[in-house]
PDB file of N, CA and C in Angstrom:
ATOM      1  N   MET A   1      -7.794-123.091 -42.430  1.00  0.00           N
ATOM      2  CA  MET A   1      -9.142-122.699 -42.785  1.00  0.00           C
ATOM      3  C   MET A   1      -9.257-121.181 -42.608  1.00  0.00           C
ATOM      4  N   THR A   2      -9.833-120.517 -43.588  1.00  0.00           N
ATOM      5  CA  THR A   2     -10.004-119.072 -43.509  1.00  0.00           C
ATOM      6  C   THR A   2     -11.177-118.734 -42.602  1.00  0.00           C
ATOM      7  N   SER A   3     -11.225-117.473 -42.156  1.00  0.00           N
ATOM      8  CA  SER A   3     -12.338-117.062 -41.286  1.00  0.00           C
ATOM      9  C   SER A   3     -13.665-117.130 -42.036  1.00  0.00           C
ATOM     10  N   ARG A   4     -13.629-116.882 -43.340  1.00  0.00           N
ATOM     11  CA  ARG A   4     -14.861-116.978 -44.135  1.00  0.00           C
ATOM     12  C   ARG A   4     -15.377-118.418 -44.157  1.00  0.00           C
ATOM     13  N   GLU A   5     -14.459-119.377 -44.322  1.00  0.00           N
ATOM     14  CA  GLU A   5     -14.861-120.785 -44.321  1.00  0.00           C
ATOM     15  C   GLU A   5     -15.375-121.189 -42.937  1.00  0.00           C
ATOM     16  N   ASN A   6     -14.724-120.698 -41.888  1.00  0.00           N
ATOM     17  CA  ASN A   6     -15.145-120.993 -40.521  1.00  0.00           C
ATOM     18  C   ASN A   6     -16.533-120.425 -40.251  1.00  0.00           C
ATOM     19  N   ASN A   7     -16.783-119.192 -40.710  1.00  0.00           N
ATOM     20  CA  ASN A   7     -18.108-118.586 -40.551  1.00  0.00           C
ATOM     21  C   ASN A   7     -19.167-119.389 -41.288  1.00  0.00           C
ATOM     22  N   SER A   8     -18.830-119.903 -42.475  1.00  0.00           N
ATOM     23  CA  SER A   8     -19.784-120.698 -43.240  1.00  0.00           C
ATOM     24  C   SER A   8     -20.160-121.967 -42.492  1.00  0.00           C
ATOM     25  N   ILE A   9     -19.194-122.592 -41.835  1.00  0.00           N
ATOM     26  CA  ILE A   9     -19.467-123.796 -41.054  1.00  0.00           C
ATOM     27  C   ILE A   9     -20.353-123.451 -39.867  1.00  0.00           C
ATOM     28  N   GLU A  10     -20.020-122.367 -39.159  1.00  0.00           N
ATOM     29  CA  GLU A  10     -20.826-121.938 -38.012  1.00  0.00           C
ATOM     30  C   GLU A  10     -22.239-121.567 -38.459  1.00  0.00           C
ATOM     31  N   ASP A  11     -22.355-120.860 -39.570  1.00  0.00           N
ATOM     32  CA  ASP A  11     -23.675-120.493 -40.085  1.00  0.00           C
ATOM     33  C   ASP A  11     -24.481-121.744 -40.417  1.00  0.00           C
ATOM     34  N   ALA A  12     -23.848-122.709 -41.055  1.00  0.00           N
ATOM     35  CA  ALA A  12     -24.547-123.939 -41.413  1.00  0.00           C
ATOM     36  C   ALA A  12     -25.036-124.660 -40.161  1.00  0.00           C
ATOM     37  N   GLU A  13     -24.244-124.625 -39.095  1.00  0.00           N
ATOM     38  CA  GLU A  13     -24.634-125.305 -37.855  1.00  0.00           C
ATOM     39  C   GLU A  13     -25.854-124.642 -37.219  1.00  0.00           C
ATOM     40  N   TRP A  14     -25.871-123.313 -37.117  1.00  0.00           N
ATOM     41  CA  TRP A  14     -27.032-122.686 -36.471  1.00  0.00           C
ATOM     42  C   TRP A  14     -28.255-122.739 -37.368  1.00  0.00           C
ATOM     43  N   VAL A  15     -28.060-122.716 -38.668  1.00  0.00           N
ATOM     44  CA  VAL A  15     -29.195-122.858 -39.583  1.00  0.00           C
ATOM     45  C   VAL A  15     -29.792-124.257 -39.433  1.00  0.00           C
ATOM     46  N   GLU A  16     -28.929-125.257 -39.325  1.00  0.00           N
ATOM     47  CA  GLU A  16     -29.397-126.636 -39.121  1.00  0.00           C
ATOM     48  C   GLU A  16     -30.181-126.746 -37.811  1.00  0.00           C
ATOM     49  N   THR A  17     -29.668-126.157 -36.742  1.00  0.00           N
ATOM     50  CA  THR A  17     -30.346-126.198 -35.445  1.00  0.00           C
ATOM     51  C   THR A  17     -31.692-125.490 -35.518  1.00  0.00           C
ATOM     52  N   LEU A  18     -31.723-124.320 -36.125  1.00  0.00           N
ATOM     53  CA  LEU A  18     -32.977-123.583 -36.250  1.00  0.00           C
ATOM     54  C   LEU A  18     -33.997-124.365 -37.076  1.00  0.00           C
ATOM     55  N   THR A  19     -33.545-125.021 -38.112  1.00  0.00           N
ATOM     56  CA  THR A  19     -34.427-125.848 -38.934  1.00  0.00           C
ATOM     57  C   THR A  19     -35.023-126.980 -38.110  1.00  0.00           C
ATOM     58  N   LEU A  20     -34.201-127.630 -37.287  1.00  0.00           N
ATOM     59  CA  LEU A  20     -34.687-128.700 -36.416  1.00  0.00           C
ATOM     60  C   LEU A  20     -35.722-128.174 -35.422  1.00  0.00           C
ATOM     61  N   ILE A  21     -35.480-126.986 -34.891  1.00  0.00           N
ATOM     62  CA  ILE A  21     -36.420-126.378 -33.938  1.00  0.00           C
ATOM     63  C   ILE A  21     -37.753-126.089 -34.614  1.00  0.00           C
ATOM     64  N   ILE A  22     -37.708-125.468 -35.772  1.00  0.00           N
ATOM     65  CA  ILE A  22     -38.945-125.165 -36.502  1.00  0.00           C
ATOM     66  C   ILE A  22     -39.705-126.450 -36.818  1.00  0.00           C
ATOM     67  N   ASN A  23     -38.981-127.493 -37.174  1.00  0.00           N
ATOM     68  CA  ASN A  23     -39.635-128.777 -37.470  1.00  0.00           C
ATOM     69  C   ASN A  23     -40.303-129.371 -36.231  1.00  0.00           C
ATOM     70  N   GLU A  24     -39.743-129.138 -35.044  1.00  0.00           N
ATOM     71  CA  GLU A  24     -40.388-129.597 -33.807  1.00  0.00           C
ATOM     72  C   GLU A  24     -41.734-128.886 -33.623  1.00  0.00           C
ATOM     73  N   PHE A  25     -41.756-127.576 -33.874  1.00  0.00           N
ATOM     74  CA  PHE A  25     -43.008-126.834 -33.786  1.00  0.00           C
ATOM     75  C   PHE A  25     -44.005-127.309 -34.837  1.00  0.00           C
ATOM     76  N   ARG A  26     -43.529-127.644 -36.014  1.00  0.00           N
ATOM     77  CA  ARG A  26     -44.419-128.103 -37.093  1.00  0.00           C
ATOM     78  C   ARG A  26     -45.065-129.447 -36.762  1.00  0.00           C
ATOM     79  N   LYS A  27     -44.482-130.191 -35.831  1.00  0.00           N
ATOM     80  CA  LYS A  27     -45.120-131.432 -35.387  1.00  0.00           C
ATOM     81  C   LYS A  27     -46.417-131.112 -34.643  1.00  0.00           C
ATOM     82  N   ILE A  28     -46.470-129.949 -34.008  1.00  0.00           N
ATOM     83  CA  ILE A  28     -47.685-129.492 -33.334  1.00  0.00           C
ATOM     84  C   ILE A  28     -48.721-129.097 -34.388  1.00  0.00           C
ATOM     85  N   SER A  29     -48.262-128.295 -35.360  1.00  0.00           N
ATOM     86  CA  SER A  29     -49.126-127.859 -36.460  1.00  0.00           C
ATOM     87  C   SER A  29     -48.240-127.444 -37.630  1.00  0.00           C
ATOM     88  N   PRO A  30     -48.491-127.966 -38.826  1.00  0.00           N
ATOM     89  CA  PRO A  30     -47.670-127.570 -39.969  1.00  0.00           C
ATOM     90  C   PRO A  30     -47.823-126.089 -40.313  1.00  0.00           C
ATOM     91  N   ASP A  31     -48.894-125.462 -39.847  1.00  0.00           N
ATOM     92  CA  ASP A  31     -49.154-124.054 -40.144  1.00  0.00           C
ATOM     93  C   ASP A  31     -48.864-123.138 -38.961  1.00  0.00           C
ATOM     94  N   ILE A  32     -48.083-123.589 -37.991  1.00  0.00           N
ATOM     95  CA  ILE A  32     -47.843-122.818 -36.779  1.00  0.00           C
ATOM     96  C   ILE A  32     -47.179-121.476 -37.116  1.00  0.00           C
ATOM     97  N   THR A  33     -47.583-120.440 -36.388  1.00  0.00           N
ATOM     98  CA  THR A  33     -47.042-119.106 -36.620  1.00  0.00           C
ATOM     99  C   THR A  33     -45.971-118.773 -35.582  1.00  0.00           C
ATOM    100  N   ALA A  34     -45.216-117.734 -35.860  1.00  0.00           N
ATOM    101  CA  ALA A  34     -44.185-117.285 -34.919  1.00  0.00           C
ATOM    102  C   ALA A  34     -44.815-116.872 -33.590  1.00  0.00           C
ATOM    103  N   ASN A  35     -45.960-116.201 -33.632  1.00  0.00           N
ATOM    104  CA  ASN A  35     -46.621-115.794 -32.390  1.00  0.00           C
ATOM    105  C   ASN A  35     -47.068-117.007 -31.570  1.00  0.00           C
ATOM    106  N   GLN A  36     -47.551-118.034 -32.240  1.00  0.00           N
ATOM    107  CA  GLN A  36     -47.941-119.253 -31.537  1.00  0.00           C
ATOM    108  C   GLN A  36     -46.716-119.926 -30.915  1.00  0.00           C
ATOM    109  N   MET A  37     -45.604-119.916 -31.628  1.00  0.00           N
ATOM    110  CA  MET A  37     -44.365-120.468 -31.088  1.00  0.00           C
ATOM    111  C   MET A  37     -43.951-119.724 -29.822  1.00  0.00           C
ATOM    112  N   LEU A  38     -44.035-118.396 -29.871  1.00  0.00           N
ATOM    113  CA  LEU A  38     -43.677-117.582 -28.700  1.00  0.00           C
ATOM    114  C   LEU A  38     -44.528-117.941 -27.485  1.00  0.00           C
ATOM    115  N   VAL A  39     -45.822-118.051 -27.688  1.00  0.00           N
ATOM    116  CA  VAL A  39     -46.722-118.388 -26.583  1.00  0.00           C
ATOM    117  C   VAL A  39     -46.365-119.749 -26.012  1.00  0.00           C
ATOM    118  N   LEU A  40     -46.128-120.735 -26.878  1.00  0.00           N
ATOM    119  CA  LEU A  40     -45.785-122.067 -26.402  1.00  0.00           C
ATOM    120  C   LEU A  40     -44.459-122.075 -25.646  1.00  0.00           C
ATOM    121  N   LEU A  41     -43.481-121.342 -26.137  1.00  0.00           N
ATOM    122  CA  LEU A  41     -42.191-121.284 -25.443  1.00  0.00           C
ATOM    123  C   LEU A  41     -42.331-120.680 -24.051  1.00  0.00           C
ATOM    124  N   HIS A  42     -43.094-119.600 -23.941  1.00  0.00           N
ATOM    125  CA  HIS A  42     -43.264-118.961 -22.630  1.00  0.00           C
ATOM    126  C   HIS A  42     -44.101-119.817 -21.688  1.00  0.00           C
ATOM    127  N   ALA A  43     -45.086-120.520 -22.223  1.00  0.00           N
ATOM    128  CA  ALA A  43     -45.881-121.424 -21.386  1.00  0.00           C
ATOM    129  C   ALA A  43     -45.027-122.590 -20.896  1.00  0.00           C
ATOM    130  N   GLY A  44     -44.082-123.026 -21.705  1.00  0.00           N
ATOM    131  CA  GLY A  44     -43.172-124.086 -21.298  1.00  0.00           C
ATOM    132  C   GLY A  44     -42.167-123.614 -20.264  1.00  0.00           C
ATOM    133  N   ALA A  45     -41.710-122.374 -20.426  1.00  0.00           N
ATOM    134  CA  ALA A  45     -40.708-121.830 -19.508  1.00  0.00           C
ATOM    135  C   ALA A  45     -41.300-121.469 -18.150  1.00  0.00           C
ATOM    136  N   LYS A  46     -42.585-121.124 -18.134  1.00  0.00           N
ATOM    137  CA  LYS A  46     -43.232-120.721 -16.886  1.00  0.00           C
ATOM    138  C   LYS A  46     -44.632-121.342 -16.809  1.00  0.00           C
ATOM    139  N   PRO A  47     -44.702-122.627 -16.435  1.00  0.00           N
ATOM    140  CA  PRO A  47     -46.014-123.269 -16.333  1.00  0.00           C
ATOM    141  C   PRO A  47     -46.928-122.496 -15.374  1.00  0.00           C
ATOM    142  N   GLY A  48     -48.172-122.285 -15.793  1.00  0.00           N
ATOM    143  CA  GLY A  48     -49.120-121.524 -14.991  1.00  0.00           C
ATOM    144  C   GLY A  48     -49.151-120.045 -15.335  1.00  0.00           C
ATOM    145  N   ILE A  49     -48.383-119.634 -16.333  1.00  0.00           N
ATOM    146  CA  ILE A  49     -48.344-118.225 -16.742  1.00  0.00           C
ATOM    147  C   ILE A  49     -49.746-117.785 -17.175  1.00  0.00           C
ATOM    148  N   THR A  50     -50.120-116.582 -16.780  1.00  0.00           N
ATOM    149  CA  THR A  50     -51.442-116.074 -17.144  1.00  0.00           C
ATOM    150  C   THR A  50     -51.414-115.488 -18.551  1.00  0.00           C
ATOM    151  N   GLN A  51     -52.599-115.315 -19.126  1.00  0.00           N
ATOM    152  CA  GLN A  51     -52.678-114.698 -20.450  1.00  0.00           C
ATOM    153  C   GLN A  51     -52.193-113.256 -20.402  1.00  0.00           C
ATOM    154  N   LYS A  52     -52.435-112.573 -19.309  1.00  0.00           N
ATOM    155  CA  LYS A  52     -51.953-111.191 -19.161  1.00  0.00           C
ATOM    156  C   LYS A  52     -50.418-111.166 -19.169  1.00  0.00           C
ATOM    157  N   GLU A  53     -49.800-112.107 -18.453  1.00  0.00           N
ATOM    158  CA  GLU A  53     -48.337-112.200 -18.455  1.00  0.00           C
ATOM    159  C   GLU A  53     -47.815-112.566 -19.837  1.00  0.00           C
ATOM    160  N   LEU A  54     -48.507-113.494 -20.503  1.00  0.00           N
ATOM    161  CA  LEU A  54     -48.107-113.870 -21.862  1.00  0.00           C
ATOM    162  C   LEU A  54     -48.171-112.676 -22.803  1.00  0.00           C
ATOM    163  N   SER A  55     -49.206-111.892 -22.671  1.00  0.00           N
ATOM    164  CA  SER A  55     -49.348-110.704 -23.498  1.00  0.00           C
ATOM    165  C   SER A  55     -48.167-109.757 -23.288  1.00  0.00           C
ATOM    166  N   LYS A  56     -47.782-109.601 -22.055  1.00  0.00           N
ATOM    167  CA  LYS A  56     -46.682-108.682 -21.727  1.00  0.00           C
ATOM    168  C   LYS A  56     -45.340-109.193 -22.255  1.00  0.00           C
ATOM    169  N   VAL A  57     -45.021-110.482 -22.013  1.00  0.00           N
ATOM    170  CA  VAL A  57     -43.704-110.989 -22.407  1.00  0.00           C
ATOM    171  C   VAL A  57     -43.573-111.215 -23.907  1.00  0.00           C
ATOM    172  N   THR A  58     -44.692-111.419 -24.602  1.00  0.00           N
ATOM    173  CA  THR A  58     -44.637-111.639 -26.050  1.00  0.00           C
ATOM    174  C   THR A  58     -44.897-110.356 -26.838  1.00  0.00           C
ATOM    175  N   ASN A  59     -45.349-109.327 -26.144  1.00  0.00           N
ATOM    176  CA  ASN A  59     -45.702-108.054 -26.779  1.00  0.00           C
ATOM    177  C   ASN A  59     -46.843-108.241 -27.789  1.00  0.00           C
ATOM    178  N   LEU A  60     -47.774-109.133 -27.437  1.00  0.00           N
ATOM    179  CA  LEU A  60     -48.952-109.382 -28.262  1.00  0.00           C
ATOM    180  C   LEU A  60     -50.184-108.856 -27.541  1.00  0.00           C
ATOM    181  N   ALA A  61     -51.185-108.469 -28.306  1.00  0.00           N
ATOM    182  CA  ALA A  61     -52.438-107.985 -27.733  1.00  0.00           C
ATOM    183  C   ALA A  61     -53.109-109.101 -26.929  1.00  0.00           C
ATOM    184  N   ASP A  62     -53.847-108.703 -25.889  1.00  0.00           N
ATOM    185  CA  ASP A  62     -54.555-109.673 -25.052  1.00  0.00           C
ATOM    186  C   ASP A  62     -55.443-110.589 -25.893  1.00  0.00           C
ATOM    187  N   GLY A  63     -56.169-110.033 -26.844  1.00  0.00           N
ATOM    188  CA  GLY A  63     -57.057-110.822 -27.688  1.00  0.00           C
ATOM    189  C   GLY A  63     -56.305-111.841 -28.530  1.00  0.00           C
ATOM    190  N   THR A  64     -55.137-111.458 -29.008  1.00  0.00           N
ATOM    191  CA  THR A  64     -54.312-112.371 -29.803  1.00  0.00           C
ATOM    192  C   THR A  64     -53.862-113.543 -28.947  1.00  0.00           C
ATOM    193  N   VAL A  65     -53.396-113.250 -27.739  1.00  0.00           N
ATOM    194  CA  VAL A  65     -52.951-114.305 -26.826  1.00  0.00           C
ATOM    195  C   VAL A  65     -54.118-115.221 -26.473  1.00  0.00           C
ATOM    196  N   SER A  66     -55.278-114.638 -26.234  1.00  0.00           N
ATOM    197  CA  SER A  66     -56.455-115.432 -25.898  1.00  0.00           C
ATOM    198  C   SER A  66     -56.812-116.393 -27.032  1.00  0.00           C
ATOM    199  N   ARG A  67     -56.792-115.908 -28.271  1.00  0.00           N
ATOM    200  CA  ARG A  67     -57.100-116.756 -29.432  1.00  0.00           C
ATOM    201  C   ARG A  67     -56.057-117.867 -29.597  1.00  0.00           C
ATOM    202  N   ILE A  68     -54.781-117.517 -29.416  1.00  0.00           N
ATOM    203  CA  ILE A  68     -53.721-118.515 -29.548  1.00  0.00           C
ATOM    204  C   ILE A  68     -53.886-119.595 -28.479  1.00  0.00           C
ATOM    205  N   CYS A  69     -54.143-119.173 -27.245  1.00  0.00           N
ATOM    206  CA  CYS A  69     -54.313-120.144 -26.160  1.00  0.00           C
ATOM    207  C   CYS A  69     -55.510-121.045 -26.422  1.00  0.00           C
ATOM    208  N   ALA A  70     -56.607-120.484 -26.904  1.00  0.00           N
ATOM    209  CA  ALA A  70     -57.787-121.297 -27.219  1.00  0.00           C
ATOM    210  C   ALA A  70     -57.458-122.323 -28.302  1.00  0.00           C
ATOM    211  N   LEU A  71     -56.758-121.897 -29.336  1.00  0.00           N
ATOM    212  CA  LEU A  71     -56.390-122.802 -30.422  1.00  0.00           C
ATOM    213  C   LEU A  71     -55.430-123.886 -29.945  1.00  0.00           C
ATOM    214  N   MET A  72     -54.510-123.536 -29.058  1.00  0.00           N
ATOM    215  CA  MET A  72     -53.527-124.502 -28.569  1.00  0.00           C
ATOM    216  C   MET A  72     -54.123-125.456 -27.524  1.00  0.00           C
ATOM    217  N   SER A  73     -55.273-125.086 -26.957  1.00  0.00           N
ATOM    218  CA  SER A  73     -55.926-125.933 -25.958  1.00  0.00           C
ATOM    219  C   SER A  73     -56.830-126.944 -26.659  1.00  0.00           C
ATOM    220  N   ASP A  74     -57.686-127.587 -25.887  1.00  0.00           N
ATOM    221  CA  ASP A  74     -58.639-128.520 -26.493  1.00  0.00           C
ATOM    222  C   ASP A  74     -59.880-127.808 -27.023  1.00  0.00           C
ATOM    223  N   ARG A  75     -60.030-126.495 -26.702  1.00  0.00           N
ATOM    224  CA  ARG A  75     -61.234-125.751 -27.102  1.00  0.00           C
ATOM    225  C   ARG A  75     -61.272-125.427 -28.584  1.00  0.00           C
ATOM    226  N   GLY A  76     -60.156-125.013 -29.137  1.00  0.00           N
ATOM    227  CA  GLY A  76     -60.130-124.571 -30.521  1.00  0.00           C
ATOM    228  C   GLY A  76     -60.618-123.130 -30.639  1.00  0.00           C
ATOM    229  N   HIS A  77     -60.636-122.637 -31.871  1.00  0.00           N
ATOM    230  CA  HIS A  77     -61.042-121.245 -32.099  1.00  0.00           C
ATOM    231  C   HIS A  77     -61.618-121.097 -33.498  1.00  0.00           C
ATOM    232  N   GLN A  78     -62.734-120.399 -33.594  1.00  0.00           N
ATOM    233  CA  GLN A  78     -63.413-120.084 -34.853  1.00  0.00           C
ATOM    234  C   GLN A  78     -63.556-121.303 -35.759  1.00  0.00           C
ATOM    235  N   GLY A  79     -64.099-122.354 -35.198  1.00  0.00           N
ATOM    236  CA  GLY A  79     -64.351-123.551 -35.980  1.00  0.00           C
ATOM    237  C   GLY A  79     -63.136-124.438 -36.194  1.00  0.00           C
ATOM    238  N   ARG A  80     -61.971-123.976 -35.756  1.00  0.00           N
ATOM    239  CA  ARG A  80     -60.775-124.815 -35.885  1.00  0.00           C
ATOM    240  C   ARG A  80     -60.655-125.690 -34.643  1.00  0.00           C
ATOM    241  N   GLU A  81     -60.354-126.931 -34.852  1.00  0.00           N
ATOM    242  CA  GLU A  81     -60.176-127.867 -33.749  1.00  0.00           C
ATOM    243  C   GLU A  81     -58.959-127.474 -32.925  1.00  0.00           C
ATOM    244  N   GLY A  82     -59.073-127.603 -31.609  1.00  0.00           N
ATOM    245  CA  GLY A  82     -57.947-127.307 -30.727  1.00  0.00           C
ATOM    246  C   GLY A  82     -56.825-128.306 -30.906  1.00  0.00           C
ATOM    247  N   LEU A  83     -55.600-127.852 -30.661  1.00  0.00           N
ATOM    248  CA  LEU A  83     -54.430-128.699 -30.856  1.00  0.00           C
ATOM    249  C   LEU A  83     -54.079-129.521 -29.613  1.00  0.00           C
ATOM    250  N   ASN A  84     -54.710-129.205 -28.489  1.00  0.00           N
ATOM    251  CA  ASN A  84     -54.558-129.969 -27.256  1.00  0.00           C
ATOM    252  C   ASN A  84     -53.106-130.119 -26.794  1.00  0.00           C
ATOM    253  N   VAL A  85     -52.348-129.020 -26.859  1.00  0.00           N
ATOM    254  CA  VAL A  85     -50.970-129.011 -26.360  1.00  0.00           C
ATOM    255  C   VAL A  85     -50.803-128.042 -25.189  1.00  0.00           C
ATOM    256  N   LEU A  86     -51.896-127.363 -24.834  1.00  0.00           N
ATOM    257  CA  LEU A  86     -51.874-126.366 -23.773  1.00  0.00           C
ATOM    258  C   LEU A  86     -53.117-126.540 -22.909  1.00  0.00           C
ATOM    259  N   SER A  87     -52.910-126.490 -21.610  1.00  0.00           N
ATOM    260  CA  SER A  87     -54.023-126.569 -20.673  1.00  0.00           C
ATOM    261  C   SER A  87     -54.278-125.175 -20.107  1.00  0.00           C
ATOM    262  N   ILE A  88     -55.544-124.791 -20.027  1.00  0.00           N
ATOM    263  CA  ILE A  88     -55.937-123.501 -19.461  1.00  0.00           C
ATOM    264  C   ILE A  88     -56.712-123.806 -18.190  1.00  0.00           C
ATOM    265  N   ASP A  89     -56.110-123.491 -17.054  1.00  0.00           N
ATOM    266  CA  ASP A  89     -56.679-123.872 -15.769  1.00  0.00           C
ATOM    267  C   ASP A  89     -56.913-122.667 -14.874  1.00  0.00           C
ATOM    268  N   PRO A  90     -57.981-122.717 -14.055  1.00  0.00           N
ATOM    269  CA  PRO A  90     -58.224-121.630 -13.099  1.00  0.00           C
ATOM    270  C   PRO A  90     -57.058-121.510 -12.108  1.00  0.00           C
ATOM    271  N   ILE A  91     -56.796-120.288 -11.697  1.00  0.00           N
ATOM    272  CA  ILE A  91     -55.778-120.035 -10.675  1.00  0.00           C
ATOM    273  C   ILE A  91     -56.499-119.907  -9.341  1.00  0.00           C
ATOM    274  N   PRO A  92     -56.153-120.752  -8.371  1.00  0.00           N
ATOM    275  CA  PRO A  92     -56.820-120.681  -7.067  1.00  0.00           C
ATOM    276  C   PRO A  92     -56.718-119.273  -6.461  1.00  0.00           C
ATOM    277  N   GLY A  93     -57.844-118.771  -6.000  1.00  0.00           N
ATOM    278  CA  GLY A  93     -57.877-117.456  -5.374  1.00  0.00           C
ATOM    279  C   GLY A  93     -58.015-116.288  -6.336  1.00  0.00           C
ATOM    280  N   ASP A  94     -57.991-116.553  -7.645  1.00  0.00           N
ATOM    281  CA  ASP A  94     -58.125-115.489  -8.635  1.00  0.00           C
ATOM    282  C   ASP A  94     -59.112-115.970  -9.704  1.00  0.00           C
ATOM    283  N   TYR A  95     -60.373-115.680  -9.489  1.00  0.00           N
ATOM    284  CA  TYR A  95     -61.415-116.219 -10.366  1.00  0.00           C
ATOM    285  C   TYR A  95     -61.369-115.665 -11.786  1.00  0.00           C
ATOM    286  N   ARG A  96     -60.657-114.546 -12.006  1.00  0.00           N
ATOM    287  CA  ARG A  96     -60.636-113.951 -13.347  1.00  0.00           C
ATOM    288  C   ARG A  96     -59.459-114.432 -14.194  1.00  0.00           C
ATOM    289  N   SER A  97     -58.411-114.926 -13.581  1.00  0.00           N
ATOM    290  CA  SER A  97     -57.213-115.328 -14.330  1.00  0.00           C
ATOM    291  C   SER A  97     -57.154-116.832 -14.523  1.00  0.00           C
ATOM    292  N   LYS A  98     -56.530-117.218 -15.594  1.00  0.00           N
ATOM    293  CA  LYS A  98     -56.321-118.627 -15.897  1.00  0.00           C
ATOM    294  C   LYS A  98     -54.832-118.826 -16.196  1.00  0.00           C
ATOM    295  N   GLY A  99     -54.319-119.960 -15.735  1.00  0.00           N
ATOM    296  CA  GLY A  99     -52.922-120.290 -15.978  1.00  0.00           C
ATOM    297  C   GLY A  99     -52.785-121.229 -17.161  1.00  0.00           C
ATOM    298  N   GLN A 100     -51.766-120.996 -17.966  1.00  0.00           N
ATOM    299  CA  GLN A 100     -51.494-121.810 -19.142  1.00  0.00           C
ATOM    300  C   GLN A 100     -50.280-122.698 -18.860  1.00  0.00           C
ATOM    301  N   LYS A 101     -50.380-123.971 -19.220  1.00  0.00           N
ATOM    302  CA  LYS A 101     -49.221-124.856 -19.117  1.00  0.00           C
ATOM    303  C   LYS A 101     -49.285-125.871 -20.252  1.00  0.00           C
ATOM    304  N   LEU A 102     -48.113-126.304 -20.677  1.00  0.00           N
ATOM    305  CA  LEU A 102     -48.036-127.284 -21.750  1.00  0.00           C
ATOM    306  C   LEU A 102     -48.462-128.650 -21.245  1.00  0.00           C
ATOM    307  N   ILE A 103     -49.067-129.420 -22.143  1.00  0.00           N
ATOM    308  CA  ILE A 103     -49.464-130.793 -21.833  1.00  0.00           C
ATOM    309  C   ILE A 103     -49.094-131.681 -23.010  1.00  0.00           C
ATOM    310  N   GLY A 104     -48.993-132.961 -22.774  1.00  0.00           N
ATOM    311  CA  GLY A 104     -48.801-133.950 -23.837  1.00  0.00           C
ATOM    312  C   GLY A 104     -47.721-133.596 -24.833  1.00  0.00           C
ATOM    313  N   ALA A 105     -48.112-133.501 -26.110  1.00  0.00           N
ATOM    314  CA  ALA A 105     -47.168-133.210 -27.193  1.00  0.00           C
ATOM    315  C   ALA A 105     -46.494-131.854 -27.014  1.00  0.00           C
ATOM    316  N   GLY A 106     -47.156-130.930 -26.315  1.00  0.00           N
ATOM    317  CA  GLY A 106     -46.543-129.629 -26.042  1.00  0.00           C
ATOM    318  C   GLY A 106     -45.319-129.764 -25.161  1.00  0.00           C
ATOM    319  N   ASN A 107     -45.413-130.617 -24.136  1.00  0.00           N
ATOM    320  CA  ASN A 107     -44.255-130.869 -23.264  1.00  0.00           C
ATOM    321  C   ASN A 107     -43.119-131.535 -24.026  1.00  0.00           C
ATOM    322  N   LYS A 108     -43.454-132.490 -24.879  1.00  0.00           N
ATOM    323  CA  LYS A 108     -42.430-133.179 -25.671  1.00  0.00           C
ATOM    324  C   LYS A 108     -41.721-132.207 -26.610  1.00  0.00           C
ATOM    325  N   MET A 109     -42.505-131.344 -27.267  1.00  0.00           N
ATOM    326  CA  MET A 109     -41.934-130.351 -28.171  1.00  0.00           C
ATOM    327  C   MET A 109     -41.004-129.415 -27.413  1.00  0.00           C
ATOM    328  N   TYR A 110     -41.460-128.929 -26.254  1.00  0.00           N
ATOM    329  CA  TYR A 110     -40.657-127.985 -25.473  1.00  0.00           C
ATOM    330  C   TYR A 110     -39.340-128.631 -25.030  1.00  0.00           C
ATOM    331  N   ALA A 111     -39.397-129.866 -24.563  1.00  0.00           N
ATOM    332  CA  ALA A 111     -38.189-130.554 -24.113  1.00  0.00           C
ATOM    333  C   ALA A 111     -37.196-130.718 -25.269  1.00  0.00           C
ATOM    334  N   ARG A 112     -37.698-131.076 -26.438  1.00  0.00           N
ATOM    335  CA  ARG A 112     -36.820-131.253 -27.598  1.00  0.00           C
ATOM    336  C   ARG A 112     -36.218-129.918 -28.044  1.00  0.00           C
ATOM    337  N   VAL A 113     -37.020-128.865 -28.086  1.00  0.00           N
ATOM    338  CA  VAL A 113     -36.517-127.545 -28.477  1.00  0.00           C
ATOM    339  C   VAL A 113     -35.469-127.079 -27.464  1.00  0.00           C
ATOM    340  N   ARG A 114     -35.755-127.279 -26.187  1.00  0.00           N
ATOM    341  CA  ARG A 114     -34.788-126.884 -25.143  1.00  0.00           C
ATOM    342  C   ARG A 114     -33.474-127.640 -25.305  1.00  0.00           C
ATOM    343  N   ASP A 115     -33.547-128.938 -25.568  1.00  0.00           N
ATOM    344  CA  ASP A 115     -32.347-129.735 -25.798  1.00  0.00           C
ATOM    345  C   ASP A 115     -31.557-129.216 -26.999  1.00  0.00           C
ATOM    346  N   LEU A 116     -32.254-128.901 -28.075  1.00  0.00           N
ATOM    347  CA  LEU A 116     -31.588-128.388 -29.264  1.00  0.00           C
ATOM    348  C   LEU A 116     -30.907-127.044 -28.997  1.00  0.00           C
ATOM    349  N   MET A 117     -31.571-126.206 -28.210  1.00  0.00           N
ATOM    350  CA  MET A 117     -31.021-124.870 -27.920  1.00  0.00           C
ATOM    351  C   MET A 117     -29.835-124.918 -26.958  1.00  0.00           C
ATOM    352  N   THR A 118     -29.814-125.886 -26.077  1.00  0.00           N
ATOM    353  CA  THR A 118     -28.775-125.913 -25.046  1.00  0.00           C
ATOM    354  C   THR A 118     -27.660-126.897 -25.334  1.00  0.00           C
ATOM    355  N   SER A 119     -27.791-127.683 -26.405  1.00  0.00           N
ATOM    356  CA  SER A 119     -26.722-128.634 -26.723  1.00  0.00           C
ATOM    357  C   SER A 119     -25.532-127.917 -27.333  1.00  0.00           C
ATOM    358  N   LYS A 120     -24.391-128.412 -27.066  1.00  0.00           N
ATOM    359  CA  LYS A 120     -23.093-127.916 -27.558  1.00  0.00           C
ATOM    360  C   LYS A 120     -22.118-127.882 -26.443  1.00  0.00           C
TER     361      LYS A 120
END
């Protein structure tokens, strides 16, 4: 097998994996954006992460993170129904900050994406 053929096989494998990952996110919402995916991944990796921390690790504006979290929670945003995959909870001792963590289908999606990323 030539190196070009080997690269084609490797490319096909990672493209297949990436497609499976994107499809897991689409189970949450068929219109999910890359920024929403980033927020969900970080909330899954660090349950209780604050919106300020999410803003920093995703390089998104505070307002953008706030809107994404509202949409991913049960609250929704701008007339859109919430997706109920993220819980926004008060942090004990810090009345201004709220911690984000995945719930329900969000946890299932994160576990499947993690499995896909770490398998091999």
